[in-house]
């Protein structure tokens, strides 16, 4: 397996992270491959669940986004798998909105052991706001969504 290039977005800094939303998961049998390791797609599903719950925690429900005519599809994802999670193991998905560039929203992830001693995955996911009716990228976020994201960017650990 080759190393990721130095400038890759998967090379997230190894620092003590703050302002992360935490979402606990457990590797159930249906999350694993024939060898008992979590399947690579399970990690991505857990990241999506954590992001949706993080947004819900600040009052942004996806049903509300749909009602506003806004969707937030993933347009880019970079994942680095450090070590596998085995069937039955608990982990914590940590996520935070890294920054916002207009309608482009960058999210960082770490999946770690509950005691933070083992790092399983680091990732970066990029979303864009899309007008659901027109199917085109929005020029700006709806004001309610933009205000909620601004709160998310400025709030301490939940």
N, C-alpha and C. Protein backbone atom coordinates (compact mmCIF):
# COMPACT_ATOMS: atom_id res chain seq x y z
N UNK A 1 0.85 -1.17 0.00
CA UNK A 1 0.00 0.00 0.00
C UNK A 1 0.89 1.23 0.00
N UNK A 2 0.61 2.18 -0.88
CA UNK A 2 1.46 3.36 -0.98
C UNK A 2 1.03 4.42 0.01
N UNK A 3 1.97 5.29 0.36
CA UNK A 3 1.71 6.40 1.26
C UNK A 3 0.99 7.51 0.52
N UNK A 4 0.13 8.24 1.22
CA UNK A 4 -0.54 9.40 0.61
C UNK A 4 0.48 10.50 0.40
N UNK A 5 0.34 11.31 -0.66
CA UNK A 5 1.28 12.40 -0.88
C UNK A 5 1.23 13.40 0.27
N UNK A 6 2.33 14.13 0.45
CA UNK A 6 2.46 15.08 1.55
C UNK A 6 1.34 16.12 1.59
N UNK A 7 0.88 16.61 0.45
CA UNK A 7 -0.13 17.66 0.42
C UNK A 7 -1.56 17.12 0.43
N UNK A 8 -1.73 15.82 0.57
CA UNK A 8 -3.06 15.22 0.54
C UNK A 8 -3.92 15.72 1.69
N UNK A 9 -5.24 15.96 1.44
CA UNK A 9 -6.11 16.37 2.53
C UNK A 9 -6.31 15.29 3.57
N UNK A 10 -5.86 14.07 3.30
CA UNK A 10 -5.99 13.01 4.30
C UNK A 10 -4.88 13.10 5.34
N UNK A 11 -3.88 13.91 5.10
CA UNK A 11 -2.81 14.10 6.08
C UNK A 11 -3.23 15.16 7.08
N UNK A 12 -4.20 14.84 7.92
CA UNK A 12 -4.69 15.79 8.90
C UNK A 12 -3.69 15.89 10.04
N UNK A 13 -3.59 17.04 10.67
CA UNK A 13 -2.58 17.23 11.72
C UNK A 13 -2.83 16.32 12.91
N UNK A 14 -1.75 15.87 13.54
CA UNK A 14 -1.83 15.07 14.74
C UNK A 14 -1.72 15.99 15.95
N UNK A 15 -2.83 16.62 16.30
CA UNK A 15 -2.87 17.54 17.42
C UNK A 15 -4.05 17.18 18.31
N UNK A 16 -4.09 17.78 19.48
CA UNK A 16 -5.25 17.59 20.35
C UNK A 16 -6.40 18.40 19.77
N UNK A 17 -7.44 17.73 19.26
CA UNK A 17 -8.53 18.41 18.59
C UNK A 17 -9.53 18.95 19.60
N UNK A 18 -10.08 20.11 19.30
CA UNK A 18 -11.15 20.71 20.10
C UNK A 18 -12.29 21.03 19.16
N UNK A 19 -13.43 21.36 19.74
CA UNK A 19 -14.61 21.73 18.97
C UNK A 19 -15.11 20.62 18.05
N UNK A 20 -15.01 19.40 18.48
CA UNK A 20 -15.49 18.26 17.70
C UNK A 20 -16.83 17.81 18.24
N UNK A 21 -17.72 17.41 17.33
CA UNK A 21 -18.96 16.74 17.69
C UNK A 21 -18.63 15.25 17.74
N UNK A 22 -19.07 14.56 18.79
CA UNK A 22 -18.75 13.14 18.94
C UNK A 22 -19.99 12.28 18.76
N UNK A 23 -19.80 11.21 17.99
CA UNK A 23 -20.89 10.30 17.66
C UNK A 23 -20.39 8.86 17.87
N UNK A 24 -20.90 8.17 18.89
CA UNK A 24 -20.43 6.80 19.16
C UNK A 24 -21.00 5.79 18.16
N UNK A 25 -20.19 4.81 17.80
CA UNK A 25 -20.62 3.72 16.92
C UNK A 25 -20.08 2.40 17.46
N UNK A 26 -20.68 1.31 17.00
CA UNK A 26 -20.20 -0.04 17.30
C UNK A 26 -20.22 -0.83 16.00
N UNK A 27 -19.15 -1.55 15.73
CA UNK A 27 -19.06 -2.36 14.52
C UNK A 27 -19.91 -3.62 14.70
N UNK A 28 -21.08 -3.61 14.08
CA UNK A 28 -21.99 -4.74 14.11
C UNK A 28 -21.58 -5.72 13.01
N UNK A 29 -22.07 -6.96 13.07
CA UNK A 29 -21.71 -7.93 12.03
C UNK A 29 -21.97 -7.44 10.60
N UNK A 30 -23.08 -6.73 10.38
CA UNK A 30 -23.38 -6.26 9.02
C UNK A 30 -22.46 -5.12 8.55
N UNK A 31 -21.64 -4.57 9.45
CA UNK A 31 -20.67 -3.54 9.08
C UNK A 31 -19.33 -4.13 8.64
N UNK A 32 -19.18 -5.45 8.78
CA UNK A 32 -17.85 -6.05 8.60
C UNK A 32 -17.76 -6.92 7.35
N UNK A 33 -16.51 -7.19 6.97
CA UNK A 33 -16.24 -8.09 5.84
C UNK A 33 -16.07 -9.51 6.37
N UNK A 34 -15.71 -10.43 5.48
CA UNK A 34 -15.56 -11.83 5.86
C UNK A 34 -14.50 -12.06 6.93
N UNK A 35 -13.56 -11.13 7.07
CA UNK A 35 -12.50 -11.26 8.07
C UNK A 35 -12.82 -10.63 9.42
N UNK A 36 -14.04 -10.06 9.55
CA UNK A 36 -14.41 -9.45 10.82
C UNK A 36 -13.94 -8.01 10.98
N UNK A 37 -13.39 -7.41 9.91
CA UNK A 37 -12.98 -6.01 9.94
C UNK A 37 -14.11 -5.15 9.39
N UNK A 38 -14.26 -3.94 9.92
CA UNK A 38 -15.27 -3.04 9.38
C UNK A 38 -14.97 -2.79 7.91
N UNK A 39 -15.99 -2.93 7.09
CA UNK A 39 -15.90 -2.70 5.65
C UNK A 39 -15.66 -1.22 5.43
N UNK A 40 -14.89 -0.87 4.41
CA UNK A 40 -14.51 0.54 4.21
C UNK A 40 -15.72 1.46 4.05
N UNK A 41 -16.79 0.99 3.45
CA UNK A 41 -17.98 1.81 3.29
C UNK A 41 -18.70 2.10 4.61
N UNK A 42 -18.51 1.23 5.59
CA UNK A 42 -19.13 1.47 6.90
C UNK A 42 -18.59 2.74 7.54
N UNK A 43 -17.29 2.97 7.39
CA UNK A 43 -16.69 4.18 7.95
C UNK A 43 -17.32 5.43 7.33
N UNK A 44 -17.54 5.38 6.01
CA UNK A 44 -18.14 6.52 5.32
C UNK A 44 -19.58 6.72 5.78
N UNK A 45 -20.33 5.65 5.95
CA UNK A 45 -21.70 5.76 6.45
C UNK A 45 -21.71 6.35 7.86
N UNK A 46 -20.77 5.92 8.72
CA UNK A 46 -20.70 6.48 10.07
C UNK A 46 -20.37 7.97 10.04
N UNK A 47 -19.50 8.38 9.12
CA UNK A 47 -19.17 9.80 9.00
C UNK A 47 -20.40 10.60 8.59
N UNK A 48 -21.18 10.07 7.65
CA UNK A 48 -22.41 10.74 7.22
C UNK A 48 -23.38 10.86 8.39
N UNK A 49 -23.57 9.78 9.13
CA UNK A 49 -24.46 9.81 10.30
C UNK A 49 -24.00 10.85 11.30
N UNK A 50 -22.70 10.91 11.56
CA UNK A 50 -22.16 11.88 12.53
C UNK A 50 -22.40 13.31 12.05
N UNK A 51 -22.19 13.55 10.76
CA UNK A 51 -22.40 14.91 10.22
C UNK A 51 -23.87 15.30 10.32
N UNK A 52 -24.78 14.39 9.96
CA UNK A 52 -26.21 14.67 10.04
C UNK A 52 -26.62 14.95 11.48
N UNK A 53 -26.12 14.16 12.44
CA UNK A 53 -26.44 14.37 13.85
C UNK A 53 -25.83 15.67 14.37
N UNK A 54 -24.64 16.00 13.92
CA UNK A 54 -24.01 17.26 14.31
C UNK A 54 -24.88 18.43 13.85
N UNK A 55 -25.32 18.38 12.61
CA UNK A 55 -26.19 19.44 12.09
C UNK A 55 -27.51 19.49 12.86
N UNK A 56 -28.07 18.32 13.14
CA UNK A 56 -29.33 18.27 13.89
C UNK A 56 -29.15 18.89 15.27
N UNK A 57 -27.97 18.72 15.87
CA UNK A 57 -27.72 19.25 17.21
C UNK A 57 -27.74 20.77 17.26
N UNK A 58 -27.57 21.42 16.11
CA UNK A 58 -27.64 22.88 16.06
C UNK A 58 -28.90 23.37 15.36
N UNK A 59 -29.85 22.46 15.16
CA UNK A 59 -31.13 22.86 14.62
C UNK A 59 -31.28 22.76 13.12
N UNK A 60 -30.34 22.11 12.43
CA UNK A 60 -30.48 21.92 10.98
C UNK A 60 -30.85 20.47 10.73
N UNK A 61 -32.12 20.24 10.35
CA UNK A 61 -32.57 18.91 9.98
C UNK A 61 -32.59 18.82 8.46
N UNK A 62 -32.24 17.66 7.92
CA UNK A 62 -32.23 17.54 6.46
C UNK A 62 -33.62 17.77 5.87
N UNK A 63 -34.67 17.41 6.60
CA UNK A 63 -36.03 17.67 6.11
C UNK A 63 -36.25 19.18 5.95
N UNK A 64 -35.67 19.96 6.86
CA UNK A 64 -35.78 21.42 6.76
C UNK A 64 -35.01 21.94 5.55
N UNK A 65 -33.84 21.36 5.28
CA UNK A 65 -33.08 21.77 4.10
C UNK A 65 -33.88 21.50 2.82
N UNK A 66 -34.51 20.34 2.77
CA UNK A 66 -35.33 19.99 1.62
C UNK A 66 -36.46 21.00 1.47
N UNK A 67 -37.09 21.36 2.59
CA UNK A 67 -38.18 22.34 2.55
C UNK A 67 -37.69 23.69 2.05
N UNK A 68 -36.44 24.02 2.33
CA UNK A 68 -35.86 25.28 1.84
C UNK A 68 -35.38 25.16 0.40
N UNK A 69 -35.45 23.95 -0.16
CA UNK A 69 -34.99 23.74 -1.53
C UNK A 69 -33.49 23.56 -1.63
N UNK A 70 -32.85 23.21 -0.52
CA UNK A 70 -31.39 23.10 -0.47
C UNK A 70 -30.97 21.65 -0.19
N UNK A 71 -29.95 21.19 -0.86
CA UNK A 71 -29.36 19.89 -0.58
C UNK A 71 -27.86 20.11 -0.40
N UNK A 72 -27.20 19.23 0.33
CA UNK A 72 -25.76 19.33 0.59
C UNK A 72 -25.06 18.05 0.16
N UNK A 73 -24.94 17.78 -1.13
CA UNK A 73 -24.28 16.55 -1.56
C UNK A 73 -22.76 16.61 -1.36
N UNK A 74 -22.19 15.43 -1.17
CA UNK A 74 -20.74 15.28 -1.11
C UNK A 74 -20.19 15.42 -2.52
N UNK A 75 -19.20 16.31 -2.71
CA UNK A 75 -18.57 16.45 -4.02
C UNK A 75 -17.13 15.94 -4.02
N UNK A 76 -16.58 15.77 -2.83
CA UNK A 76 -15.22 15.24 -2.73
C UNK A 76 -15.05 14.59 -1.36
N UNK A 77 -14.32 13.49 -1.34
CA UNK A 77 -14.04 12.81 -0.08
C UNK A 77 -12.64 12.22 -0.14
N UNK A 78 -11.90 12.39 0.93
CA UNK A 78 -10.56 11.81 1.05
C UNK A 78 -10.51 11.10 2.40
N UNK A 79 -10.20 9.81 2.37
CA UNK A 79 -10.21 8.99 3.58
C UNK A 79 -8.86 8.29 3.72
N UNK A 80 -8.33 8.31 4.91
CA UNK A 80 -7.11 7.56 5.21
C UNK A 80 -7.44 6.56 6.31
N UNK A 81 -7.26 5.29 5.97
CA UNK A 81 -7.52 4.20 6.91
C UNK A 81 -6.21 3.86 7.62
N UNK A 82 -6.18 4.10 8.94
CA UNK A 82 -4.96 3.87 9.71
C UNK A 82 -4.89 2.44 10.26
N UNK A 83 -6.01 1.96 10.78
CA UNK A 83 -6.10 0.57 11.28
C UNK A 83 -7.56 0.18 11.33
N UNK A 84 -7.83 -1.12 11.24
CA UNK A 84 -9.22 -1.56 11.17
C UNK A 84 -9.93 -1.57 12.52
N UNK A 85 -11.23 -1.38 12.44
CA UNK A 85 -12.11 -1.62 13.59
C UNK A 85 -12.66 -3.03 13.40
N UNK A 86 -12.57 -3.82 14.44
CA UNK A 86 -13.03 -5.21 14.38
C UNK A 86 -14.49 -5.32 14.84
N UNK A 87 -15.15 -6.38 14.38
CA UNK A 87 -16.53 -6.63 14.78
C UNK A 87 -16.66 -6.58 16.30
N UNK A 88 -17.70 -5.86 16.76
CA UNK A 88 -17.97 -5.75 18.19
C UNK A 88 -17.27 -4.59 18.88
N UNK A 89 -16.30 -3.97 18.20
CA UNK A 89 -15.57 -2.86 18.82
C UNK A 89 -16.39 -1.58 18.81
N UNK A 90 -16.20 -0.78 19.86
CA UNK A 90 -16.79 0.55 19.94
C UNK A 90 -15.79 1.56 19.39
N UNK A 91 -16.31 2.64 18.84
CA UNK A 91 -15.46 3.74 18.36
C UNK A 91 -16.25 5.04 18.48
N UNK A 92 -15.56 6.14 18.32
CA UNK A 92 -16.18 7.45 18.34
C UNK A 92 -15.82 8.16 17.05
N UNK A 93 -16.84 8.60 16.33
CA UNK A 93 -16.64 9.41 15.13
C UNK A 93 -16.65 10.86 15.60
N UNK A 94 -15.55 11.55 15.36
CA UNK A 94 -15.48 12.97 15.70
C UNK A 94 -15.53 13.75 14.40
N UNK A 95 -16.40 14.75 14.37
CA UNK A 95 -16.53 15.55 13.16
C UNK A 95 -16.65 17.02 13.52
N UNK A 96 -16.21 17.85 12.62
CA UNK A 96 -16.38 19.29 12.78
C UNK A 96 -16.35 19.94 11.40
N UNK A 97 -17.06 21.03 11.31
CA UNK A 97 -16.99 21.82 10.09
C UNK A 97 -15.65 22.57 10.15
N UNK A 98 -14.78 22.28 9.19
CA UNK A 98 -13.46 22.90 9.19
C UNK A 98 -13.54 24.36 8.75
N UNK A 99 -14.25 24.60 7.65
CA UNK A 99 -14.44 25.96 7.16
C UNK A 99 -15.49 25.97 6.07
N UNK A 100 -15.89 27.18 5.71
CA UNK A 100 -16.88 27.40 4.68
C UNK A 100 -16.31 28.40 3.69
N UNK A 101 -16.41 28.06 2.42
CA UNK A 101 -15.97 28.95 1.35
C UNK A 101 -17.17 29.19 0.45
N UNK A 102 -17.98 30.17 0.77
CA UNK A 102 -19.21 30.40 0.02
C UNK A 102 -20.19 29.28 0.28
N UNK A 103 -20.52 28.50 -0.76
CA UNK A 103 -21.44 27.37 -0.60
C UNK A 103 -20.68 26.04 -0.51
N UNK A 104 -19.38 26.11 -0.41
CA UNK A 104 -18.52 24.92 -0.26
C UNK A 104 -18.21 24.75 1.22
N UNK A 105 -18.57 23.59 1.77
CA UNK A 105 -18.44 23.36 3.21
C UNK A 105 -17.51 22.18 3.43
N UNK A 106 -16.42 22.41 4.16
CA UNK A 106 -15.40 21.39 4.42
C UNK A 106 -15.58 20.82 5.82
N UNK A 107 -15.62 19.48 5.90
CA UNK A 107 -15.77 18.78 7.18
C UNK A 107 -14.56 17.88 7.40
N UNK A 108 -14.06 17.86 8.64
CA UNK A 108 -12.98 16.97 9.03
C UNK A 108 -13.53 15.87 9.92
N UNK A 109 -12.86 14.73 9.89
CA UNK A 109 -13.29 13.56 10.67
C UNK A 109 -12.08 12.86 11.28
N UNK A 110 -12.33 12.26 12.43
CA UNK A 110 -11.43 11.30 13.04
C UNK A 110 -12.32 10.20 13.60
N UNK A 111 -11.94 8.97 13.37
CA UNK A 111 -12.62 7.87 14.03
C UNK A 111 -11.58 7.24 14.94
N UNK A 112 -11.89 7.23 16.24
CA UNK A 112 -10.93 6.79 17.25
C UNK A 112 -11.58 5.81 18.22
N UNK A 113 -10.73 5.18 19.01
CA UNK A 113 -11.23 4.37 20.12
C UNK A 113 -11.87 5.31 21.14
N UNK A 114 -12.79 4.80 21.95
CA UNK A 114 -13.44 5.67 22.94
C UNK A 114 -12.46 6.36 23.90
N UNK A 115 -11.32 5.74 24.16
CA UNK A 115 -10.33 6.35 25.05
C UNK A 115 -9.32 7.22 24.29
N UNK A 116 -9.52 7.39 22.99
CA UNK A 116 -8.67 8.21 22.11
C UNK A 116 -7.25 7.67 21.95
N UNK A 117 -7.02 6.43 22.35
CA UNK A 117 -5.68 5.86 22.25
C UNK A 117 -5.37 5.29 20.86
N UNK A 118 -6.41 4.89 20.12
CA UNK A 118 -6.22 4.31 18.79
C UNK A 118 -6.91 5.19 17.75
N UNK A 119 -6.21 5.49 16.68
CA UNK A 119 -6.77 6.26 15.58
C UNK A 119 -7.04 5.29 14.43
N UNK A 120 -8.29 5.21 13.99
CA UNK A 120 -8.68 4.29 12.93
C UNK A 120 -8.75 4.97 11.56
N UNK A 121 -9.33 6.16 11.52
CA UNK A 121 -9.56 6.84 10.24
C UNK A 121 -9.44 8.35 10.43
N UNK A 122 -8.87 9.02 9.43
CA UNK A 122 -8.98 10.48 9.30
C UNK A 122 -9.55 10.75 7.92
N UNK A 123 -10.32 11.82 7.81
CA UNK A 123 -10.96 12.10 6.53
C UNK A 123 -11.31 13.57 6.40
N UNK A 124 -11.52 13.97 5.15
CA UNK A 124 -12.04 15.30 4.81
C UNK A 124 -13.14 15.08 3.79
N UNK A 125 -14.29 15.70 4.03
CA UNK A 125 -15.44 15.62 3.12
C UNK A 125 -15.81 17.05 2.73
N UNK A 126 -16.05 17.24 1.45
CA UNK A 126 -16.45 18.56 0.95
C UNK A 126 -17.86 18.46 0.40
N UNK A 127 -18.73 19.34 0.88
CA UNK A 127 -20.12 19.43 0.45
C UNK A 127 -20.32 20.75 -0.30
N UNK A 128 -21.32 20.80 -1.15
CA UNK A 128 -21.74 22.07 -1.74
C UNK A 128 -23.26 22.17 -1.63
N UNK A 129 -23.74 23.40 -1.53
CA UNK A 129 -25.17 23.63 -1.48
C UNK A 129 -25.73 23.62 -2.90
N UNK A 130 -26.75 22.80 -3.10
CA UNK A 130 -27.37 22.66 -4.41
C UNK A 130 -28.85 23.01 -4.31
N UNK A 131 -29.34 23.78 -5.27
CA UNK A 131 -30.76 24.08 -5.38
C UNK A 131 -31.45 22.81 -5.87
N UNK A 132 -32.29 22.23 -5.05
CA UNK A 132 -32.92 20.95 -5.38
C UNK A 132 -33.82 21.04 -6.61
N UNK A 133 -34.50 22.16 -6.79
CA UNK A 133 -35.42 22.30 -7.92
C UNK A 133 -34.67 22.45 -9.23
N UNK A 134 -33.62 23.27 -9.23
CA UNK A 134 -32.87 23.54 -10.47
C UNK A 134 -31.75 22.52 -10.71
N UNK A 135 -31.33 21.84 -9.62
CA UNK A 135 -30.24 20.89 -9.76
C UNK A 135 -28.90 21.57 -9.99
N UNK A 136 -28.78 22.81 -9.56
CA UNK A 136 -27.54 23.58 -9.77
C UNK A 136 -27.00 24.07 -8.44
N UNK A 137 -25.69 24.29 -8.43
CA UNK A 137 -25.04 24.82 -7.23
C UNK A 137 -25.60 26.20 -6.93
N UNK A 138 -25.92 26.44 -5.67
CA UNK A 138 -26.47 27.73 -5.24
C UNK A 138 -25.36 28.79 -5.24
N UNK A 139 -25.75 30.01 -5.42
CA UNK A 139 -24.78 31.12 -5.34
C UNK A 139 -24.49 31.47 -3.89
N UNK A 140 -25.48 31.27 -3.03
CA UNK A 140 -25.29 31.49 -1.60
C UNK A 140 -26.23 30.59 -0.82
N UNK A 141 -25.86 30.32 0.43
CA UNK A 141 -26.69 29.49 1.30
C UNK A 141 -27.94 30.26 1.71
N UNK A 142 -29.05 29.56 1.95
CA UNK A 142 -30.20 30.23 2.53
C UNK A 142 -29.78 30.86 3.87
N UNK A 143 -30.26 32.06 4.19
CA UNK A 143 -29.82 32.77 5.40
C UNK A 143 -29.90 31.94 6.68
N UNK A 144 -30.99 31.19 6.88
CA UNK A 144 -31.12 30.38 8.10
C UNK A 144 -30.01 29.32 8.18
N UNK A 145 -29.69 28.72 7.05
CA UNK A 145 -28.65 27.69 7.01
C UNK A 145 -27.28 28.34 7.25
N UNK A 146 -27.03 29.45 6.60
CA UNK A 146 -25.75 30.15 6.78
C UNK A 146 -25.55 30.57 8.23
N UNK A 147 -26.60 31.08 8.87
CA UNK A 147 -26.51 31.49 10.28
C UNK A 147 -26.24 30.29 11.19
N UNK A 148 -26.89 29.17 10.90
CA UNK A 148 -26.66 27.97 11.71
C UNK A 148 -25.23 27.47 11.55
N UNK A 149 -24.72 27.48 10.32
CA UNK A 149 -23.33 27.06 10.10
C UNK A 149 -22.35 28.00 10.80
N UNK A 150 -22.67 29.28 10.82
CA UNK A 150 -21.82 30.25 11.53
C UNK A 150 -21.79 29.93 13.02
N UNK A 151 -22.95 29.53 13.58
CA UNK A 151 -22.98 29.13 14.99
C UNK A 151 -22.15 27.88 15.21
N UNK A 152 -22.25 26.94 14.28
CA UNK A 152 -21.49 25.70 14.39
C UNK A 152 -20.01 25.99 14.39
N UNK A 153 -19.56 26.87 13.53
CA UNK A 153 -18.14 27.20 13.44
C UNK A 153 -17.63 27.87 14.71
N UNK A 154 -18.52 28.53 15.45
CA UNK A 154 -18.07 29.28 16.62
C UNK A 154 -18.43 28.66 17.94
N UNK A 155 -18.97 27.44 17.95
CA UNK A 155 -19.41 26.84 19.21
C UNK A 155 -18.36 25.90 19.77
N UNK A 156 -18.26 25.80 21.10
CA UNK A 156 -17.32 24.86 21.72
C UNK A 156 -17.84 23.44 21.65
N UNK A 157 -17.03 22.50 22.12
CA UNK A 157 -17.36 21.06 22.10
C UNK A 157 -18.71 20.82 22.76
N UNK A 158 -19.52 19.97 22.12
CA UNK A 158 -20.85 19.64 22.61
C UNK A 158 -20.82 18.43 23.48
